[in-house]
Amino acid sequence: MELKCIITLASGRVRIPFNAMERSLRDVGCDLPVRVIPFNDDRFDLPPNSEWWVLPKVLSWVEQSRASPRAKGVMRKYQTLLIGGYLFVDSDVVFLRDPRAVFSDSVGFVTCCGHWHNPMHTYTEETRNSMRQKSTVWQSRVFNSGQFACDRPLYDFDSLRLSAEASAIRNTCLENQFHEQPGMNALVFASGVVVSNLTLPPRCIESTWAGDYTTADYRSYWSDIKRTPCFIHWAGRKPDSRLPVDELFLNYLNDEEVTAWTEACKTEVSAWGKPKLILRKIRKLMRKRP
């Protein structure tokens, strides 16, 4: 697969994670253009070689759906299915390797997430039934919609609309009140494209999910460069210093961004800790920065 661009989804609310993602991409030597799908109208100034990417037909179509406002925002990812030669990542990733090298020998639709062993949130009842009818190992083809690559267009706009509006998956694709992940999985599955996962044989790349790295020696999993993940993805959680691996994210922020990020984490504190504890942990990690 020849990657021609990196695609992400962003708004002003995730500007700090976007900055870390973009800086890490450049740090691993990747100079591909970054196309940014706007989650909403809250945009910000992008760095060089990045641009906002809008397909008006897709935007208008998604806005007419019965999904919730948040779901409509992430459903704008559907426009990725109209092109080829890209890697899509959510803004909450940090690159460890140049994606061009990682995906160069891949074909079709490719992911490197662990949802094959935890398929929850990748389907609805209606789409699971549809997948089961076509494959007894459908779980091996599900993926996290925050990271995937594809070497070809899977649809044109008209066929995308027809597929999403089909009665068997319409509720999932266009009326979901939470997120786009089951819809993305349903549309990719319906396209018939070969789906492969780099964490499965023959590649067996280590996990890309930050939550799988809970110890201080997390880098020990990456002694073999061929099995080192392309990036680390904080899907479902914030890199708020609870885990040592969170330093990968924090090291790409300047002091002003660390302060802003700390405040953001304090307003979304989970049951495990308190705001002052989060602040102390983040400051401790920042002192270790090279």
C-alpha atoms as a PDB file:
ATOM      1  CA  MET A   1       0.000   0.000   0.000  1.00  0.00           C
ATOM      2  CA  GLU A   2       1.330   3.411  -0.924  1.00  0.00           C
ATOM      3  CA  LEU A   3       0.124   5.993   1.558  1.00  0.00           C
ATOM      4  CA  LYS A   4      -0.535   9.381   0.008  1.00  0.00           C
ATOM      5  CA  CYS A   5      -1.905  11.194   3.044  1.00  0.00           C
ATOM      6  CA  ILE A   6      -2.789  10.961   6.722  1.00  0.00           C
ATOM      7  CA  ILE A   7      -6.402  11.723   7.620  1.00  0.00           C
ATOM      8  CA  THR A   8      -7.758  12.691  11.013  1.00  0.00           C
ATOM      9  CA  LEU A   9     -10.862  14.277  12.577  1.00  0.00           C
ATOM     10  CA  ALA A  10     -10.580  17.324  14.810  1.00  0.00           C
ATOM     11  CA  SER A  11     -12.124  20.424  16.333  1.00  0.00           C
ATOM     12  CA  GLY A  12     -10.814  23.117  18.628  1.00  0.00           C
ATOM     13  CA  ARG A  13     -11.646  20.910  21.607  1.00  0.00           C
ATOM     14  CA  VAL A  14      -8.933  18.400  20.615  1.00  0.00           C
ATOM     15  CA  ARG A  15      -6.345  20.857  19.379  1.00  0.00           C
ATOM     16  CA  ILE A  16      -3.747  19.769  21.961  1.00  0.00           C
ATOM     17  CA  PRO A  17      -3.959  16.038  21.118  1.00  0.00           C
ATOM     18  CA  PHE A  18      -3.901  16.980  17.437  1.00  0.00           C
ATOM     19  CA  ASN A  19      -0.688  18.943  17.985  1.00  0.00           C
ATOM     20  CA  ALA A  20       0.944  15.963  19.696  1.00  0.00           C
ATOM     21  CA  MET A  21      -0.170  13.634  16.922  1.00  0.00           C
ATOM     22  CA  GLU A  22       1.092  15.899  14.137  1.00  0.00           C
ATOM     23  CA  ARG A  23       4.411  16.607  15.842  1.00  0.00           C
ATOM     24  CA  SER A  24       5.051  12.916  16.446  1.00  0.00           C
ATOM     25  CA  LEU A  25       4.255  12.176  12.792  1.00  0.00           C
ATOM     26  CA  ARG A  26       6.881  14.655  11.664  1.00  0.00           C
ATOM     27  CA  ASP A  27       9.283  13.419  14.331  1.00  0.00           C
ATOM     28  CA  VAL A  28       9.311   9.892  12.838  1.00  0.00           C
ATOM     29  CA  GLY A  29      10.196  11.390   9.466  1.00  0.00           C
ATOM     30  CA  CYS A  30       6.822  11.272   7.733  1.00  0.00           C
ATOM     31  CA  ASP A  31       6.160  14.331   5.548  1.00  0.00           C
ATOM     32  CA  LEU A  32       2.828  13.204   4.085  1.00  0.00           C
ATOM     33  CA  PRO A  33       0.074  15.827   3.966  1.00  0.00           C
ATOM     34  CA  VAL A  34      -2.479  15.700   6.774  1.00  0.00           C
ATOM     35  CA  ARG A  35      -6.142  16.071   5.827  1.00  0.00           C
ATOM     36  CA  VAL A  36      -8.326  17.125   8.743  1.00  0.00           C
ATOM     37  CA  ILE A  37     -12.042  16.372   8.682  1.00  0.00           C
ATOM     38  CA  PRO A  38     -13.789  19.030  10.792  1.00  0.00           C
ATOM     39  CA  PHE A  39     -15.895  17.517  13.573  1.00  0.00           C
ATOM     40  CA  ASN A  40     -17.933  20.735  13.651  1.00  0.00           C
ATOM     41  CA  ASP A  41     -17.464  24.436  12.874  1.00  0.00           C
ATOM     42  CA  ASP A  42     -14.947  24.909  15.702  1.00  0.00           C
ATOM     43  CA  ARG A  43     -11.742  24.998  13.664  1.00  0.00           C
ATOM     44  CA  PHE A  44      -8.234  26.238  14.411  1.00  0.00           C
ATOM     45  CA  ASP A  45      -5.100  27.213  12.505  1.00  0.00           C
ATOM     46  CA  LEU A  46      -3.382  24.126  11.164  1.00  0.00           C
ATOM     47  CA  PRO A  47       0.395  23.603  10.897  1.00  0.00           C
ATOM     48  CA  PRO A  48       2.160  23.526   7.511  1.00  0.00           C
ATOM     49  CA  ASN A  49       1.277  20.668   5.172  1.00  0.00           C
ATOM     50  CA  SER A  50      -2.104  20.178   6.858  1.00  0.00           C
ATOM     51  CA  GLU A  51      -5.510  21.247   5.554  1.00  0.00           C
ATOM     52  CA  TRP A  52      -9.178  21.013   6.435  1.00  0.00           C
ATOM     53  CA  TRP A  53     -10.899  18.425   4.245  1.00  0.00           C
ATOM     54  CA  VAL A  54     -14.624  18.680   3.548  1.00  0.00           C
ATOM     55  CA  LEU A  55     -16.738  16.815   1.003  1.00  0.00           C
ATOM     56  CA  PRO A  56     -19.949  18.888   0.885  1.00  0.00           C
ATOM     57  CA  LYS A  57     -22.135  16.021  -0.363  1.00  0.00           C
ATOM     58  CA  VAL A  58     -21.136  13.793   2.519  1.00  0.00           C
ATOM     59  CA  LEU A  59     -21.443  16.611   5.054  1.00  0.00           C
ATOM     60  CA  SER A  60     -24.946  17.522   3.890  1.00  0.00           C
ATOM     61  CA  TRP A  61     -26.067  13.893   3.818  1.00  0.00           C
ATOM     62  CA  VAL A  62     -24.782  13.147   7.322  1.00  0.00           C
ATOM     63  CA  GLU A  63     -26.357  16.336   8.700  1.00  0.00           C
ATOM     64  CA  GLN A  64     -29.750  15.169   7.437  1.00  0.00           C
ATOM     65  CA  SER A  65     -29.489  11.915   9.370  1.00  0.00           C
ATOM     66  CA  ARG A  66     -31.360  11.231  12.592  1.00  0.00           C
ATOM     67  CA  ALA A  67     -28.192  10.669  14.586  1.00  0.00           C
ATOM     68  CA  SER A  68     -27.230  12.784  17.594  1.00  0.00           C
ATOM     69  CA  PRO A  69     -25.066  15.896  16.998  1.00  0.00           C
ATOM     70  CA  ARG A  70     -21.987  14.123  18.341  1.00  0.00           C
ATOM     71  CA  ALA A  71     -22.618  11.058  16.189  1.00  0.00           C
ATOM     72  CA  LYS A  72     -23.082  13.268  13.138  1.00  0.00           C
ATOM     73  CA  GLY A  73     -19.679  14.802  13.796  1.00  0.00           C
ATOM     74  CA  VAL A  74     -17.833  11.495  13.835  1.00  0.00           C
ATOM     75  CA  MET A  75     -19.936  10.090  10.977  1.00  0.00           C
ATOM     76  CA  ARG A  76     -18.121  12.554   8.755  1.00  0.00           C
ATOM     77  CA  LYS A  77     -15.437   9.858   8.715  1.00  0.00           C
ATOM     78  CA  TYR A  78     -17.595   8.089   6.136  1.00  0.00           C
ATOM     79  CA  GLN A  79     -15.988  10.283   3.486  1.00  0.00           C
ATOM     80  CA  THR A  80     -12.721   8.363   3.897  1.00  0.00           C
ATOM     81  CA  LEU A  81     -14.452   5.413   2.203  1.00  0.00           C
ATOM     82  CA  LEU A  82     -14.562   7.398  -1.052  1.00  0.00           C
ATOM     83  CA  ILE A  83     -10.781   7.558  -1.548  1.00  0.00           C
ATOM     84  CA  GLY A  84      -7.753   5.264  -1.332  1.00  0.00           C
ATOM     85  CA  GLY A  85      -4.112   5.469  -0.304  1.00  0.00           C
ATOM     86  CA  TYR A  86      -4.554   6.886   3.197  1.00  0.00           C
ATOM     87  CA  LEU A  87      -4.122   6.153   6.877  1.00  0.00           C
ATOM     88  CA  PHE A  88      -6.842   7.476   9.174  1.00  0.00           C
ATOM     89  CA  VAL A  89      -6.041   8.067  12.841  1.00  0.00           C
ATOM     90  CA  ASP A  90      -8.005   9.821  15.541  1.00  0.00           C
ATOM     91  CA  SER A  91      -6.252  12.830  17.025  1.00  0.00           C
ATOM     92  CA  ASP A  92      -5.370  10.911  20.211  1.00  0.00           C
ATOM     93  CA  VAL A  93      -2.447   8.920  18.812  1.00  0.00           C
ATOM     94  CA  VAL A  94       1.316   9.350  18.990  1.00  0.00           C
ATOM     95  CA  PHE A  95       3.431   7.882  16.198  1.00  0.00           C
ATOM     96  CA  LEU A  96       6.350   5.575  16.980  1.00  0.00           C
ATOM     97  CA  ARG A  97       7.263   4.644  13.394  1.00  0.00           C
ATOM     98  CA  ASP A  98       6.843   6.086   9.913  1.00  0.00           C
ATOM     99  CA  PRO A  99       3.483   4.673   8.749  1.00  0.00           C
ATOM    100  CA  ARG A 100       4.692   4.452   5.159  1.00  0.00           C
ATOM    101  CA  ALA A 101       7.093   1.683   6.137  1.00  0.00           C
ATOM    102  CA  VAL A 102       4.596  -0.112   8.380  1.00  0.00           C
ATOM    103  CA  PHE A 103       1.840  -0.322   5.757  1.00  0.00           C
ATOM    104  CA  SER A 104       3.985  -0.643   2.631  1.00  0.00           C
ATOM    105  CA  ASP A 105       3.391  -4.382   2.179  1.00  0.00           C
ATOM    106  CA  SER A 106      -0.303  -4.303   3.133  1.00  0.00           C
ATOM    107  CA  VAL A 107      -3.220  -4.719   0.746  1.00  0.00           C
ATOM    108  CA  GLY A 108      -6.897  -3.848   1.031  1.00  0.00           C
ATOM    109  CA  PHE A 109      -8.358  -2.463   4.251  1.00  0.00           C
ATOM    110  CA  VAL A 110      -5.927  -2.648   7.159  1.00  0.00           C
ATOM    111  CA  THR A 111      -6.105  -1.964  10.874  1.00  0.00           C
ATOM    112  CA  CYS A 112      -3.846  -2.722  13.827  1.00  0.00           C
ATOM    113  CA  CYS A 113      -6.265  -2.624  16.757  1.00  0.00           C
ATOM    114  CA  GLY A 114      -7.281  -5.318  19.221  1.00  0.00           C
ATOM    115  CA  HIS A 115     -11.021  -5.333  18.665  1.00  0.00           C
ATOM    116  CA  TRP A 116     -10.824  -8.849  17.221  1.00  0.00           C
ATOM    117  CA  HIS A 117     -10.531 -10.118  20.818  1.00  0.00           C
ATOM    118  CA  ASN A 118     -12.939  -7.519  22.174  1.00  0.00           C
ATOM    119  CA  PRO A 119     -15.521  -6.871  19.443  1.00  0.00           C
ATOM    120  CA  MET A 120     -17.885  -4.937  21.688  1.00  0.00           C
ATOM    121  CA  HIS A 121     -18.793  -1.480  20.363  1.00  0.00           C
ATOM    122  CA  THR A 122     -17.988  -2.472  16.766  1.00  0.00           C
ATOM    123  CA  TYR A 123     -21.481  -3.703  15.949  1.00  0.00           C
ATOM    124  CA  THR A 124     -25.147  -3.389  16.772  1.00  0.00           C
ATOM    125  CA  GLU A 125     -27.587  -6.267  16.963  1.00  0.00           C
ATOM    126  CA  GLU A 126     -28.679  -5.729  13.370  1.00  0.00           C
ATOM    127  CA  THR A 127     -25.152  -5.575  11.963  1.00  0.00           C
ATOM    128  CA  ARG A 128     -23.902  -8.536  13.987  1.00  0.00           C
ATOM    129  CA  ASN A 129     -26.630 -10.660  12.446  1.00  0.00           C
ATOM    130  CA  SER A 130     -25.640  -9.409   8.998  1.00  0.00           C
ATOM    131  CA  MET A 131     -21.961 -10.222   9.574  1.00  0.00           C
ATOM    132  CA  ARG A 132     -22.758 -13.653  10.972  1.00  0.00           C
ATOM    133  CA  GLN A 133     -24.614 -14.541   7.804  1.00  0.00           C
ATOM    134  CA  LYS A 134     -21.480 -13.934   5.728  1.00  0.00           C
ATOM    135  CA  SER A 135     -18.697 -15.260   7.950  1.00  0.00           C
ATOM    136  CA  THR A 136     -18.258 -17.522  10.967  1.00  0.00           C
ATOM    137  CA  VAL A 137     -15.118 -15.573  11.910  1.00  0.00           C
ATOM    138  CA  TRP A 138     -16.546 -12.092  11.490  1.00  0.00           C
ATOM    139  CA  GLN A 139     -14.764 -10.986  14.669  1.00  0.00           C
ATOM    140  CA  SER A 140     -11.429 -11.111  12.842  1.00  0.00           C
ATOM    141  CA  ARG A 141     -12.665  -8.369  10.509  1.00  0.00           C
ATOM    142  CA  VAL A 142     -13.959  -5.797  12.990  1.00  0.00           C
ATOM    143  CA  PHE A 143     -11.848  -2.749  13.774  1.00  0.00           C
ATOM    144  CA  ASN A 144     -11.539   0.397  15.831  1.00  0.00           C
ATOM    145  CA  SER A 145     -12.758   3.297  13.710  1.00  0.00           C
ATOM    146  CA  GLY A 146     -10.038   5.501  15.184  1.00  0.00           C
ATOM    147  CA  GLN A 147      -7.322   3.862  13.080  1.00  0.00           C
ATOM    148  CA  PHE A 148      -7.405   2.191   9.678  1.00  0.00           C
ATOM    149  CA  ALA A 149      -5.800   2.361   6.260  1.00  0.00           C
ATOM    150  CA  CYS A 150      -7.065   1.479   2.796  1.00  0.00           C
ATOM    151  CA  ASP A 151      -5.447   1.312  -0.616  1.00  0.00           C
ATOM    152  CA  ARG A 152      -8.617   1.859  -2.659  1.00  0.00           C
ATOM    153  CA  PRO A 153     -11.976   3.653  -2.675  1.00  0.00           C
ATOM    154  CA  LEU A 154     -14.675   1.348  -1.322  1.00  0.00           C
ATOM    155  CA  TYR A 155     -17.587   3.417  -2.644  1.00  0.00           C
ATOM    156  CA  ASP A 156     -18.525   6.407  -4.712  1.00  0.00           C
ATOM    157  CA  PHE A 157     -20.966   8.784  -3.058  1.00  0.00           C
ATOM    158  CA  ASP A 158     -24.116   7.257  -4.542  1.00  0.00           C
ATOM    159  CA  SER A 159     -23.171   3.684  -3.639  1.00  0.00           C
ATOM    160  CA  LEU A 160     -22.129   4.800  -0.143  1.00  0.00           C
ATOM    161  CA  ARG A 161     -25.499   6.420   0.413  1.00  0.00           C
ATOM    162  CA  LEU A 162     -27.396   3.416  -0.940  1.00  0.00           C
ATOM    163  CA  SER A 163     -25.446   1.011   1.234  1.00  0.00           C
ATOM    164  CA  ALA A 164     -25.853   3.079   4.411  1.00  0.00           C
ATOM    165  CA  GLU A 165     -29.556   3.600   3.771  1.00  0.00           C
ATOM    166  CA  ALA A 166     -30.235  -0.105   3.198  1.00  0.00           C
ATOM    167  CA  SER A 167     -32.842  -1.318   5.667  1.00  0.00           C
ATOM    168  CA  ALA A 168     -30.519  -3.939   7.171  1.00  0.00           C
ATOM    169  CA  ILE A 169     -28.007  -1.387   8.497  1.00  0.00           C
ATOM    170  CA  ARG A 170     -29.695   2.028   8.246  1.00  0.00           C
ATOM    171  CA  ASN A 171     -30.309   2.365  11.989  1.00  0.00           C
ATOM    172  CA  THR A 172     -26.669   1.645  12.688  1.00  0.00           C
ATOM    173  CA  CYS A 173     -25.204   3.887  10.006  1.00  0.00           C
ATOM    174  CA  LEU A 174     -27.483   6.911  10.115  1.00  0.00           C
ATOM    175  CA  GLU A 175     -29.510   6.875  13.324  1.00  0.00           C
ATOM    176  CA  ASN A 176     -26.965   5.882  15.954  1.00  0.00           C
ATOM    177  CA  GLN A 177     -27.099   8.243  18.912  1.00  0.00           C
ATOM    178  CA  PHE A 178     -23.612   7.511  20.238  1.00  0.00           C
ATOM    179  CA  HIS A 179     -20.872   7.031  17.654  1.00  0.00           C
ATOM    180  CA  GLU A 180     -19.910   5.956  14.154  1.00  0.00           C
ATOM    181  CA  GLN A 181     -17.891   2.823  14.897  1.00  0.00           C
ATOM    182  CA  PRO A 182     -20.619   0.237  14.205  1.00  0.00           C
ATOM    183  CA  GLY A 183     -21.574   2.141  11.054  1.00  0.00           C
ATOM    184  CA  MET A 184     -17.991   2.205   9.766  1.00  0.00           C
ATOM    185  CA  ASN A 185     -17.641  -1.513  10.434  1.00  0.00           C
ATOM    186  CA  ALA A 186     -20.932  -2.266   8.709  1.00  0.00           C
ATOM    187  CA  LEU A 187     -20.017  -0.256   5.611  1.00  0.00           C
ATOM    188  CA  VAL A 188     -16.547  -1.751   5.279  1.00  0.00           C
ATOM    189  CA  PHE A 189     -17.953  -5.253   5.764  1.00  0.00           C
ATOM    190  CA  ALA A 190     -20.680  -4.627   3.189  1.00  0.00           C
ATOM    191  CA  SER A 191     -18.131  -3.416   0.625  1.00  0.00           C
ATOM    192  CA  GLY A 192     -16.545  -6.853   0.405  1.00  0.00           C
ATOM    193  CA  VAL A 193     -12.975  -5.551   0.741  1.00  0.00           C
ATOM    194  CA  VAL A 194     -10.430  -7.882   2.320  1.00  0.00           C
ATOM    195  CA  VAL A 195      -9.838  -6.741   5.911  1.00  0.00           C
ATOM    196  CA  SER A 196      -6.577  -7.584   7.654  1.00  0.00           C
ATOM    197  CA  ASN A 197      -5.292  -6.769  11.121  1.00  0.00           C
ATOM    198  CA  LEU A 198      -1.558  -6.298  11.675  1.00  0.00           C
ATOM    199  CA  THR A 199      -1.801  -7.554  15.267  1.00  0.00           C
ATOM    200  CA  LEU A 200      -2.799 -10.975  13.909  1.00  0.00           C
ATOM    201  CA  PRO A 201      -0.550 -13.460  12.034  1.00  0.00           C
ATOM    202  CA  PRO A 202       1.598 -13.191  10.071  1.00  0.00           C
ATOM    203  CA  ARG A 203       2.652  -9.723  11.333  1.00  0.00           C
ATOM    204  CA  CYS A 204       1.741 -10.086  15.029  1.00  0.00           C
ATOM    205  CA  ILE A 205       2.477  -6.429  15.843  1.00  0.00           C
ATOM    206  CA  GLU A 206       2.180  -5.534  19.522  1.00  0.00           C
ATOM    207  CA  SER A 207      -0.887  -3.679  20.743  1.00  0.00           C
ATOM    208  CA  THR A 208      -1.497  -0.106  19.664  1.00  0.00           C
ATOM    209  CA  TRP A 209      -3.798   0.602  22.624  1.00  0.00           C
ATOM    210  CA  ALA A 210      -2.265   2.586  25.478  1.00  0.00           C
ATOM    211  CA  GLY A 211      -4.346   0.676  28.016  1.00  0.00           C
ATOM    212  CA  ASP A 212      -2.389  -2.511  27.321  1.00  0.00           C
ATOM    213  CA  TYR A 213       0.818  -0.923  28.646  1.00  0.00           C
ATOM    214  CA  THR A 214       0.504  -0.670  32.416  1.00  0.00           C
ATOM    215  CA  THR A 215       4.114  -0.912  33.610  1.00  0.00           C
ATOM    216  CA  ALA A 216       7.096   1.426  33.577  1.00  0.00           C
ATOM    217  CA  ASP A 217       9.062  -0.876  31.257  1.00  0.00           C
ATOM    218  CA  TYR A 218       6.430  -0.736  28.510  1.00  0.00           C
ATOM    219  CA  ARG A 219       9.146  -0.233  25.885  1.00  0.00           C
ATOM    220  CA  SER A 220      10.376  -3.771  26.524  1.00  0.00           C
ATOM    221  CA  TYR A 221       7.532  -5.010  24.331  1.00  0.00           C
ATOM    222  CA  TRP A 222       9.122  -3.212  21.384  1.00  0.00           C
ATOM    223  CA  SER A 223      12.550  -4.866  21.294  1.00  0.00           C
ATOM    224  CA  ASP A 224      11.726  -6.260  17.850  1.00  0.00           C
ATOM    225  CA  ILE A 225      11.258  -3.342  15.447  1.00  0.00           C
ATOM    226  CA  LYS A 226       9.134  -5.496  13.139  1.00  0.00           C
ATOM    227  CA  ARG A 227       6.606  -5.982  15.926  1.00  0.00           C
ATOM    228  CA  THR A 228       6.722  -2.420  17.224  1.00  0.00           C
ATOM    229  CA  PRO A 229       3.386  -0.684  16.638  1.00  0.00           C
ATOM    230  CA  CYS A 230       3.141   2.243  14.270  1.00  0.00           C
ATOM    231  CA  PHE A 231       1.515   4.393  16.944  1.00  0.00           C
ATOM    232  CA  ILE A 232      -0.077   4.311  20.374  1.00  0.00           C
ATOM    233  CA  HIS A 233      -3.773   5.109  20.554  1.00  0.00           C
ATOM    234  CA  TRP A 234      -5.504   6.410  23.694  1.00  0.00           C
ATOM    235  CA  ALA A 235      -8.936   5.174  22.615  1.00  0.00           C
ATOM    236  CA  GLY A 236     -11.479   5.457  25.414  1.00  0.00           C
ATOM    237  CA  ARG A 237      -9.193   7.230  27.881  1.00  0.00           C
ATOM    238  CA  LYS A 238      -7.075  10.342  28.265  1.00  0.00           C
ATOM    239  CA  PRO A 239      -3.263  10.334  28.417  1.00  0.00           C
ATOM    240  CA  ASP A 240      -3.416  11.966  31.828  1.00  0.00           C
ATOM    241  CA  SER A 241      -0.309  10.370  33.424  1.00  0.00           C
ATOM    242  CA  ARG A 242      -2.196   7.522  35.065  1.00  0.00           C
ATOM    243  CA  LEU A 243      -0.022   5.146  33.015  1.00  0.00           C
ATOM    244  CA  PRO A 244       3.722   5.504  32.356  1.00  0.00           C
ATOM    245  CA  VAL A 245       3.060   5.209  28.612  1.00  0.00           C
ATOM    246  CA  ASP A 246       1.238   8.557  28.801  1.00  0.00           C
ATOM    247  CA  GLU A 247       4.639  10.249  28.764  1.00  0.00           C
ATOM    248  CA  LEU A 248       4.803   9.552  25.016  1.00  0.00           C
ATOM    249  CA  PHE A 249       1.971  12.043  24.590  1.00  0.00           C
ATOM    250  CA  LEU A 250       3.096  14.579  27.179  1.00  0.00           C
ATOM    251  CA  ASN A 251       6.589  14.807  25.728  1.00  0.00           C
ATOM    252  CA  TYR A 252       5.171  16.406  22.574  1.00  0.00           C
ATOM    253  CA  LEU A 253       3.517  19.287  24.456  1.00  0.00           C
ATOM    254  CA  ASN A 254       5.033  22.631  25.393  1.00  0.00           C
ATOM    255  CA  ASP A 255       4.620  24.087  28.876  1.00  0.00           C
ATOM    256  CA  GLU A 256       1.551  26.148  27.937  1.00  0.00           C
ATOM    257  CA  GLU A 257      -0.144  23.105  26.449  1.00  0.00           C
ATOM    258  CA  VAL A 258       0.668  21.003  29.497  1.00  0.00           C
ATOM    259  CA  THR A 259      -1.043  23.563  31.710  1.00  0.00           C
ATOM    260  CA  ALA A 260      -4.114  23.653  29.467  1.00  0.00           C
ATOM    261  CA  TRP A 261      -4.197  19.872  29.220  1.00  0.00           C
ATOM    262  CA  THR A 262      -3.929  19.525  32.979  1.00  0.00           C
ATOM    263  CA  GLU A 263      -6.938  21.784  33.410  1.00  0.00           C
ATOM    264  CA  ALA A 264      -8.881  19.741  30.838  1.00  0.00           C
ATOM    265  CA  CYS A 265      -8.054  16.532  32.690  1.00  0.00           C
ATOM    266  CA  LYS A 266      -9.117  18.054  36.003  1.00  0.00           C
ATOM    267  CA  THR A 267     -12.602  18.668  34.646  1.00  0.00           C
ATOM    268  CA  GLU A 268     -12.937  15.077  33.473  1.00  0.00           C
ATOM    269  CA  VAL A 269     -11.453  13.283  36.439  1.00  0.00           C
ATOM    270  CA  SER A 270     -12.339   9.605  36.726  1.00  0.00           C
ATOM    271  CA  ALA A 271     -12.909   7.664  39.917  1.00  0.00           C
ATOM    272  CA  TRP A 272      -9.297   6.510  40.194  1.00  0.00           C
ATOM    273  CA  GLY A 273      -7.794   9.848  41.167  1.00  0.00           C
ATOM    274  CA  LYS A 274      -8.178  13.488  42.196  1.00  0.00           C
ATOM    275  CA  PRO A 275      -7.268  16.647  40.296  1.00  0.00           C
ATOM    276  CA  LYS A 276      -4.232  17.476  42.462  1.00  0.00           C
ATOM    277  CA  LEU A 277      -2.890  13.962  41.981  1.00  0.00           C
ATOM    278  CA  ILE A 278      -3.229  14.282  38.218  1.00  0.00           C
ATOM    279  CA  LEU A 279      -1.402  17.608  38.262  1.00  0.00           C
ATOM    280  CA  ARG A 280       1.468  16.210  40.337  1.00  0.00           C
ATOM    281  CA  LYS A 281       1.840  13.185  38.061  1.00  0.00           C
ATOM    282  CA  ILE A 282       1.875  15.262  34.903  1.00  0.00           C
ATOM    283  CA  ARG A 283       4.434  17.696  36.331  1.00  0.00           C
ATOM    284  CA  LYS A 284       6.627  14.769  37.404  1.00  0.00           C
ATOM    285  CA  LEU A 285       6.570  13.344  33.893  1.00  0.00           C
ATOM    286  CA  MET A 286       7.307  16.760  32.415  1.00  0.00           C
ATOM    287  CA  ARG A 287      10.463  17.069  34.530  1.00  0.00           C
ATOM    288  CA  LYS A 288      11.710  13.865  32.909  1.00  0.00           C
ATOM    289  CA  ARG A 289      11.422  15.243  29.409  1.00  0.00           C
ATOM    290  CA  PRO A 290      14.692  15.231  27.465  1.00  0.00           C
END
